[in-house]
N, C-alpha and C. Protein backbone atom coordinates (compact mmCIF):
# COMPACT_ATOMS: atom_id res chain seq x y z
N MET A 1 48.14 189.33 317.39
CA MET A 1 48.44 190.21 316.00
C MET A 1 46.79 190.66 315.83
N ARG A 2 46.93 192.34 315.49
CA ARG A 2 45.58 193.06 315.29
C ARG A 2 46.47 193.62 313.84
N GLN A 3 45.03 194.25 313.41
CA GLN A 3 45.11 194.85 311.92
C GLN A 3 44.06 196.11 312.15
N PHE A 4 44.52 196.99 311.06
CA PHE A 4 43.69 198.19 311.22
C PHE A 4 43.69 198.80 309.58
N THR A 5 42.93 199.32 309.13
CA THR A 5 42.87 199.91 307.76
C THR A 5 43.03 201.37 307.73
N VAL A 6 43.47 202.11 306.90
CA VAL A 6 43.62 203.51 306.70
C VAL A 6 43.45 203.82 305.08
N ARG A 7 42.73 204.71 304.67
CA ARG A 7 42.38 205.15 303.41
C ARG A 7 43.42 206.39 303.02
N SER A 8 43.98 206.24 302.29
CA SER A 8 44.68 207.58 301.44
C SER A 8 43.90 208.22 300.65
N GLU A 9 44.04 209.55 300.63
CA GLU A 9 43.32 210.44 299.82
C GLU A 9 43.83 210.91 298.39
N ARG A 10 45.28 210.52 298.44
CA ARG A 10 45.83 211.20 297.04
C ARG A 10 46.94 209.96 296.28
N LYS A 11 47.42 210.34 295.59
CA LYS A 11 48.20 209.36 294.90
C LYS A 11 49.38 209.17 295.83
N ILE A 12 50.10 210.44 296.31
CA ILE A 12 51.41 210.09 297.20
C ILE A 12 50.46 210.97 298.58
N HIS A 13 50.58 209.80 299.52
CA HIS A 13 50.01 210.71 300.82
C HIS A 13 50.57 210.00 302.30
N ALA A 14 50.99 210.61 302.97
CA ALA A 14 51.87 210.41 304.00
C ALA A 14 50.66 210.57 305.22
N ILE A 15 50.47 209.45 305.89
CA ILE A 15 49.49 209.34 306.91
C ILE A 15 50.16 209.15 308.51
N ASP A 16 50.12 209.74 309.49
CA ASP A 16 50.55 209.28 310.59
C ASP A 16 49.85 208.19 311.19
N VAL A 17 50.00 207.03 311.37
CA VAL A 17 49.55 205.89 312.05
C VAL A 17 49.80 205.59 313.73
N THR A 18 50.59 206.41 314.27
CA THR A 18 51.09 206.29 315.40
C THR A 18 50.02 205.84 316.39
N GLU A 19 48.91 206.44 316.75
CA GLU A 19 48.00 206.31 317.44
C GLU A 19 47.28 205.11 317.25
N GLN A 20 46.79 204.56 315.83
CA GLN A 20 46.13 203.35 315.49
C GLN A 20 47.33 202.11 316.23
N VAL A 21 48.25 202.29 315.88
CA VAL A 21 49.62 201.26 316.34
C VAL A 21 49.45 201.27 317.75
N ALA A 22 49.76 202.44 318.43
CA ALA A 22 49.52 202.14 320.05
C ALA A 22 48.27 201.70 320.55
N GLN A 23 47.19 201.83 319.83
CA GLN A 23 45.93 201.39 320.63
C GLN A 23 46.06 199.91 320.95
N GLY A 24 45.52 199.48 322.06
CA GLY A 24 45.41 198.22 322.30
C GLY A 24 46.64 197.55 323.15
N VAL A 25 47.85 198.46 322.95
CA VAL A 25 49.02 197.97 323.88
C VAL A 25 48.81 197.96 325.24
N SER A 26 48.69 196.75 325.85
CA SER A 26 48.35 196.69 327.76
C SER A 26 49.50 197.96 328.20
N THR A 27 49.18 198.04 329.17
CA THR A 27 49.94 199.05 329.94
C THR A 27 51.24 198.09 330.77
N GLU A 28 51.09 197.05 330.77
CA GLU A 28 52.58 196.48 331.12
C GLU A 28 53.13 195.45 330.01
N ALA A 29 52.71 195.88 328.66
CA ALA A 29 53.66 195.24 327.77
C ALA A 29 54.98 195.70 327.63
N GLN A 30 55.88 194.71 327.53
CA GLN A 30 57.29 194.68 327.38
C GLN A 30 57.65 193.99 326.00
N GLY A 31 58.73 194.80 325.40
CA GLY A 31 59.41 194.15 324.07
C GLY A 31 59.38 195.00 322.87
N ALA A 32 58.76 194.69 321.81
CA ALA A 32 58.71 195.45 320.85
C ALA A 32 57.31 195.31 319.93
N ILE A 33 57.00 196.48 319.07
CA ILE A 33 55.88 196.43 318.35
C ILE A 33 56.49 196.04 317.04
N HIS A 34 56.07 195.08 316.24
CA HIS A 34 56.35 194.97 314.79
C HIS A 34 55.12 195.59 313.90
N VAL A 35 55.48 196.53 313.06
CA VAL A 35 54.27 197.09 312.26
C VAL A 35 54.82 196.85 310.70
N PHE A 36 53.68 196.29 310.23
CA PHE A 36 54.01 195.41 308.55
C PHE A 36 52.46 196.37 307.87
N THR A 37 53.01 196.47 306.69
CA THR A 37 51.77 196.54 305.88
C THR A 37 52.00 195.66 304.55
N PRO A 38 51.27 194.84 304.18
CA PRO A 38 51.08 193.55 302.94
C PRO A 38 50.77 194.28 301.53
N HIS A 39 51.20 195.64 301.30
CA HIS A 39 51.10 196.22 300.23
C HIS A 39 52.51 196.87 299.44
N THR A 40 52.74 196.52 298.04
CA THR A 40 54.00 196.46 297.38
C THR A 40 54.09 198.06 296.82
N THR A 41 53.23 198.84 297.36
CA THR A 41 53.57 200.42 296.87
C THR A 41 53.23 201.12 298.32
N VAL A 42 53.35 200.78 299.26
CA VAL A 42 53.16 201.48 300.27
C VAL A 42 54.51 201.13 301.23
N SER A 43 54.89 202.18 302.13
CA SER A 43 55.88 202.38 303.10
C SER A 43 55.77 202.48 304.35
N LEU A 44 56.12 202.54 305.34
CA LEU A 44 56.17 202.35 306.68
C LEU A 44 57.51 203.25 307.14
N MET A 45 57.68 204.56 307.66
CA MET A 45 58.76 205.26 307.87
C MET A 45 58.53 205.72 309.20
N LEU A 46 59.44 206.17 309.94
CA LEU A 46 59.61 206.93 311.00
C LEU A 46 60.01 208.39 310.73
N GLY A 47 59.07 209.37 311.49
CA GLY A 47 59.40 210.57 310.97
C GLY A 47 58.81 211.78 311.99
N GLU A 48 58.69 213.07 311.60
CA GLU A 48 58.17 213.95 312.22
C GLU A 48 56.41 214.41 311.27
N ASN A 49 55.75 214.14 312.12
CA ASN A 49 54.36 214.73 311.82
C ASN A 49 54.18 216.21 311.66
N GLU A 50 54.68 216.89 310.99
CA GLU A 50 54.74 218.26 311.06
C GLU A 50 54.16 218.67 309.75
N GLU A 51 53.15 219.46 309.39
CA GLU A 51 52.49 219.57 308.00
C GLU A 51 53.30 219.91 307.06
N ASP A 52 54.45 221.00 307.25
CA ASP A 52 55.55 221.47 306.22
C ASP A 52 56.28 220.14 305.67
N LEU A 53 56.62 219.75 306.82
CA LEU A 53 57.56 218.20 306.52
C LEU A 53 56.97 217.20 305.92
N MET A 54 55.58 216.77 306.14
CA MET A 54 54.82 215.94 305.55
C MET A 54 54.43 216.21 303.97
N GLY A 55 54.32 217.55 303.70
CA GLY A 55 54.23 217.98 302.43
C GLY A 55 55.50 217.76 301.71
N ASP A 56 56.48 218.35 302.29
CA ASP A 56 58.03 217.75 301.69
C ASP A 56 58.32 216.23 301.19
N LEU A 57 57.97 215.71 302.35
CA LEU A 57 57.97 214.21 301.81
C LEU A 57 57.19 213.52 300.95
N GLU A 58 55.98 214.03 300.84
CA GLU A 58 55.09 213.78 299.50
C GLU A 58 55.70 214.46 298.42
N ARG A 59 56.30 215.52 298.15
CA ARG A 59 56.46 216.09 297.03
C ARG A 59 58.09 215.44 297.03
N MET A 60 59.00 214.97 297.54
CA MET A 60 60.04 214.57 297.36
C MET A 60 59.69 213.34 296.60
N ALA A 61 58.86 212.35 297.05
CA ALA A 61 58.61 211.33 296.67
C ALA A 61 57.97 211.30 295.27
N ALA A 62 57.24 212.49 294.95
CA ALA A 62 56.60 212.54 293.50
C ALA A 62 57.70 212.80 292.77
N HIS A 63 58.61 214.02 293.12
CA HIS A 63 59.97 213.96 292.41
C HIS A 63 60.66 212.90 291.98
N LEU A 64 60.82 212.03 293.13
CA LEU A 64 61.63 210.76 292.44
C LEU A 64 61.07 209.91 291.46
N LEU A 65 59.72 209.68 291.83
CA LEU A 65 58.55 208.75 291.05
C LEU A 65 58.65 209.40 289.69
N ASP A 66 58.73 210.59 289.48
CA ASP A 66 58.61 211.14 288.07
C ASP A 66 59.55 211.32 287.37
N HIS A 67 60.99 211.15 287.96
CA HIS A 67 61.92 211.34 287.12
C HIS A 67 62.81 210.46 287.13
N CYS A 68 62.80 209.07 287.38
CA CYS A 68 63.11 207.87 287.18
C CYS A 68 62.88 206.94 286.14
N GLY A 69 61.90 207.47 285.17
CA GLY A 69 61.53 206.09 284.16
C GLY A 69 62.60 206.34 282.83
N PRO A 70 62.15 205.97 282.17
CA PRO A 70 60.92 205.08 281.88
C PRO A 70 61.17 203.78 282.27
N PHE A 71 59.78 202.99 282.76
CA PHE A 71 59.95 201.77 283.33
C PHE A 71 59.18 200.83 282.43
N ARG A 72 59.50 199.49 282.55
CA ARG A 72 58.96 198.34 281.80
C ARG A 72 57.67 198.01 282.27
N HIS A 73 57.44 197.69 283.72
CA HIS A 73 56.57 197.39 284.45
C HIS A 73 55.19 197.99 284.08
N CYS A 74 54.23 197.50 283.79
CA CYS A 74 52.74 198.28 283.82
C CYS A 74 51.71 197.30 283.83
N GLY A 75 52.01 196.43 285.07
CA GLY A 75 50.97 195.64 285.63
C GLY A 75 49.48 195.87 285.39
N ASN A 76 48.82 195.21 284.76
CA ASN A 76 47.34 195.38 284.40
C ASN A 76 46.85 196.78 283.88
N GLY A 77 47.81 197.17 283.08
CA GLY A 77 47.95 198.36 282.51
C GLY A 77 48.05 199.60 283.44
N ASN A 78 48.69 199.30 284.82
CA ASN A 78 48.81 200.36 285.76
C ASN A 78 50.31 200.74 286.02
N PRO A 79 50.94 201.79 285.24
CA PRO A 79 52.37 202.09 285.14
C PRO A 79 52.79 202.52 286.57
N ASN A 80 52.49 201.65 287.42
CA ASN A 80 52.87 202.20 288.94
C ASN A 80 54.48 201.51 289.39
N ALA A 81 55.23 201.19 288.23
CA ALA A 81 56.47 200.78 288.78
C ALA A 81 57.29 201.66 289.61
N PRO A 82 57.39 202.90 289.58
CA PRO A 82 58.05 203.70 290.38
C PRO A 82 57.85 203.54 291.96
N ALA A 83 56.31 203.50 292.11
CA ALA A 83 55.70 203.18 293.58
C ALA A 83 56.40 202.10 294.11
N HIS A 84 56.22 200.75 293.14
CA HIS A 84 56.85 199.58 293.52
C HIS A 84 58.13 200.08 294.28
N LEU A 85 59.24 200.41 293.53
CA LEU A 85 60.50 200.61 293.50
C LEU A 85 61.08 201.53 294.99
N LEU A 86 60.11 202.44 294.67
CA LEU A 86 60.67 203.35 296.17
C LEU A 86 60.10 202.55 297.44
N SER A 87 58.75 202.24 297.53
CA SER A 87 58.47 201.62 298.40
C SER A 87 59.60 200.27 298.84
N SER A 88 60.02 199.63 297.76
CA SER A 88 60.94 198.40 298.31
C SER A 88 62.26 199.28 298.82
N LEU A 89 62.59 200.42 298.71
CA LEU A 89 63.70 200.97 299.11
C LEU A 89 63.28 201.41 300.50
N ALA A 90 62.67 202.02 300.98
CA ALA A 90 61.81 202.57 302.07
C ALA A 90 61.69 201.52 303.11
N GLY A 91 61.01 200.50 302.54
CA GLY A 91 60.47 199.47 303.45
C GLY A 91 59.08 199.12 303.69
N ALA A 92 58.71 198.13 304.15
CA ALA A 92 57.08 198.02 304.43
C ALA A 92 56.87 197.60 306.00
N SER A 93 58.09 197.99 306.69
CA SER A 93 57.83 197.42 308.25
C SER A 93 58.84 198.46 308.89
N GLN A 94 58.27 198.18 310.26
CA GLN A 94 59.12 199.04 311.43
C GLN A 94 58.72 198.23 312.70
N CYS A 95 60.08 198.21 313.34
CA CYS A 95 60.12 197.57 314.80
C CYS A 95 60.33 198.59 315.80
N ILE A 96 59.33 198.67 316.62
CA ILE A 96 59.42 199.87 317.80
C ILE A 96 59.57 198.98 319.24
N PRO A 97 60.71 199.71 320.02
CA PRO A 97 60.57 198.95 321.43
C PRO A 97 59.41 199.41 322.11
N VAL A 98 58.81 198.88 323.08
CA VAL A 98 57.73 199.05 324.04
C VAL A 98 58.46 198.87 325.55
N TYR A 99 58.28 199.53 326.27
CA TYR A 99 58.38 199.32 327.62
C TYR A 99 56.94 200.20 328.59
N GLU A 100 56.57 199.41 329.27
CA GLU A 100 55.42 199.44 330.01
C GLU A 100 54.24 200.14 329.25
N GLY A 101 54.03 199.55 328.37
CA GLY A 101 52.72 199.70 327.18
C GLY A 101 53.22 200.88 326.59
N ARG A 102 54.26 201.78 326.65
CA ARG A 102 54.50 202.85 325.97
C ARG A 102 55.57 202.55 324.36
N LEU A 103 55.06 203.04 323.64
CA LEU A 103 56.04 203.04 322.26
C LEU A 103 57.33 203.99 322.64
N GLN A 104 58.36 203.19 322.66
CA GLN A 104 59.76 204.05 322.75
C GLN A 104 60.06 205.00 321.59
N LEU A 105 59.39 205.72 321.21
CA LEU A 105 59.57 206.67 320.18
C LEU A 105 60.48 208.06 320.66
N GLY A 106 61.10 208.40 319.97
CA GLY A 106 61.78 209.97 319.99
C GLY A 106 60.72 211.19 320.35
N ARG A 107 61.37 212.16 320.60
CA ARG A 107 60.26 213.08 320.71
C ARG A 107 59.64 213.66 319.55
N TYR A 108 60.19 213.33 318.81
CA TYR A 108 59.20 214.07 317.07
C TYR A 108 58.99 212.58 316.39
N GLN A 109 59.32 211.32 316.99
CA GLN A 109 59.08 210.52 316.01
C GLN A 109 57.69 209.87 316.12
N ARG A 110 57.00 209.71 314.79
CA ARG A 110 55.79 209.21 314.56
C ARG A 110 56.07 208.03 313.61
N ILE A 111 54.99 207.31 313.43
CA ILE A 111 55.03 206.23 312.47
C ILE A 111 54.09 206.51 311.23
N LEU A 112 54.69 206.77 310.01
CA LEU A 112 54.24 207.31 308.86
C LEU A 112 53.88 206.31 308.05
N LEU A 113 52.60 206.21 307.63
CA LEU A 113 52.43 205.15 306.34
C LEU A 113 52.35 206.22 305.07
N VAL A 114 53.12 205.73 304.41
CA VAL A 114 53.10 206.44 302.69
C VAL A 114 52.81 205.91 301.88
N ASP A 115 51.58 206.22 301.23
CA ASP A 115 51.21 205.21 299.95
C ASP A 115 51.62 206.04 298.83
N LEU A 116 52.09 205.40 298.13
CA LEU A 116 53.02 206.03 296.80
C LEU A 116 52.05 205.43 295.51
N ASP A 117 50.71 204.85 295.92
CA ASP A 117 49.86 204.67 294.78
C ASP A 117 48.27 204.81 295.05
N GLY A 118 48.21 205.74 295.59
CA GLY A 118 47.00 205.92 296.01
C GLY A 118 45.81 206.79 295.18
N PRO A 119 44.92 207.12 295.41
CA PRO A 119 43.89 206.71 296.85
C PRO A 119 43.52 205.45 296.63
N LYS A 120 43.57 204.72 297.94
CA LYS A 120 43.15 203.29 298.35
C LYS A 120 43.12 203.10 299.64
N GLU A 121 42.14 202.04 300.00
CA GLU A 121 42.39 201.42 301.62
C GLU A 121 43.52 200.49 301.70
N ARG A 122 44.41 200.88 302.87
CA ARG A 122 45.35 199.85 303.01
C ARG A 122 45.44 199.30 304.46
N ARG A 123 46.08 198.14 304.68
CA ARG A 123 46.09 197.33 305.81
C ARG A 123 47.46 197.46 306.34
N VAL A 124 47.33 197.79 307.65
CA VAL A 124 48.37 197.41 308.76
C VAL A 124 48.34 196.28 309.69
N PHE A 125 49.31 195.84 309.74
CA PHE A 125 48.99 194.51 310.75
C PHE A 125 50.13 195.30 311.95
N VAL A 126 49.81 194.31 313.28
CA VAL A 126 50.62 195.04 314.37
C VAL A 126 50.69 193.72 315.25
N THR A 127 51.86 193.40 315.47
CA THR A 127 52.21 192.19 316.33
C THR A 127 53.45 192.61 317.84
N LEU A 128 52.87 192.31 318.54
CA LEU A 128 53.63 192.46 320.08
C LEU A 128 54.75 191.31 320.08
N LEU A 129 55.78 191.80 320.16
CA LEU A 129 57.10 190.59 320.43
C LEU A 129 57.38 191.26 321.71
N PRO A 130 57.03 189.87 322.59
CA PRO A 130 57.40 190.17 323.84
C PRO A 130 58.77 190.22 324.11
N GLY A 131 58.93 190.80 325.08
CA GLY A 131 60.55 190.95 325.77
C GLY A 131 61.15 189.84 326.30
N THR A 132 62.12 189.54 326.26
CA THR A 132 62.92 188.39 327.46
C THR A 132 63.11 188.57 328.64
N GLY A 133 62.95 190.20 328.82
CA GLY A 133 63.85 190.34 330.26
C GLY A 133 64.86 191.12 330.34
N GLU A 134 65.45 191.93 331.11
CA GLU A 134 66.69 192.65 331.21
C GLU A 134 67.86 191.77 330.70
N GLY A 135 68.88 192.12 329.67
CA GLY A 135 69.99 191.27 329.32
C GLY A 135 69.79 190.09 328.81
N GLY A 136 68.31 189.68 328.44
CA GLY A 136 67.92 188.31 327.99
C GLY A 136 67.88 188.35 326.79
């Protein structure tokens, strides 16, 4: 397992982490990559890294977060319940097949980390799950 960090720059910030995830995968690797973030206000999604679409994703998240309250959770004076709830719906991990050392993503698919309670430094863990061979 290896890890890396990214720093969000805004309250809601979608960041393409595909290249960081793919780093260090050997050219003969087979199986799957499991990507996980240990933060309860961050999601990992698959999507297209196109500037307008990334902005739309951030605006949609902001809209959902702003119009769902009121909430009772205000842990440590931080009213971030909407970020926790949206993160739990979207998920904190992704599993992507790997063949001959390459992530088997679709043509436009990228691995997106979406920080819903930034700006903050966030950790991402990457684990190679070895394959068992064809049909196994």
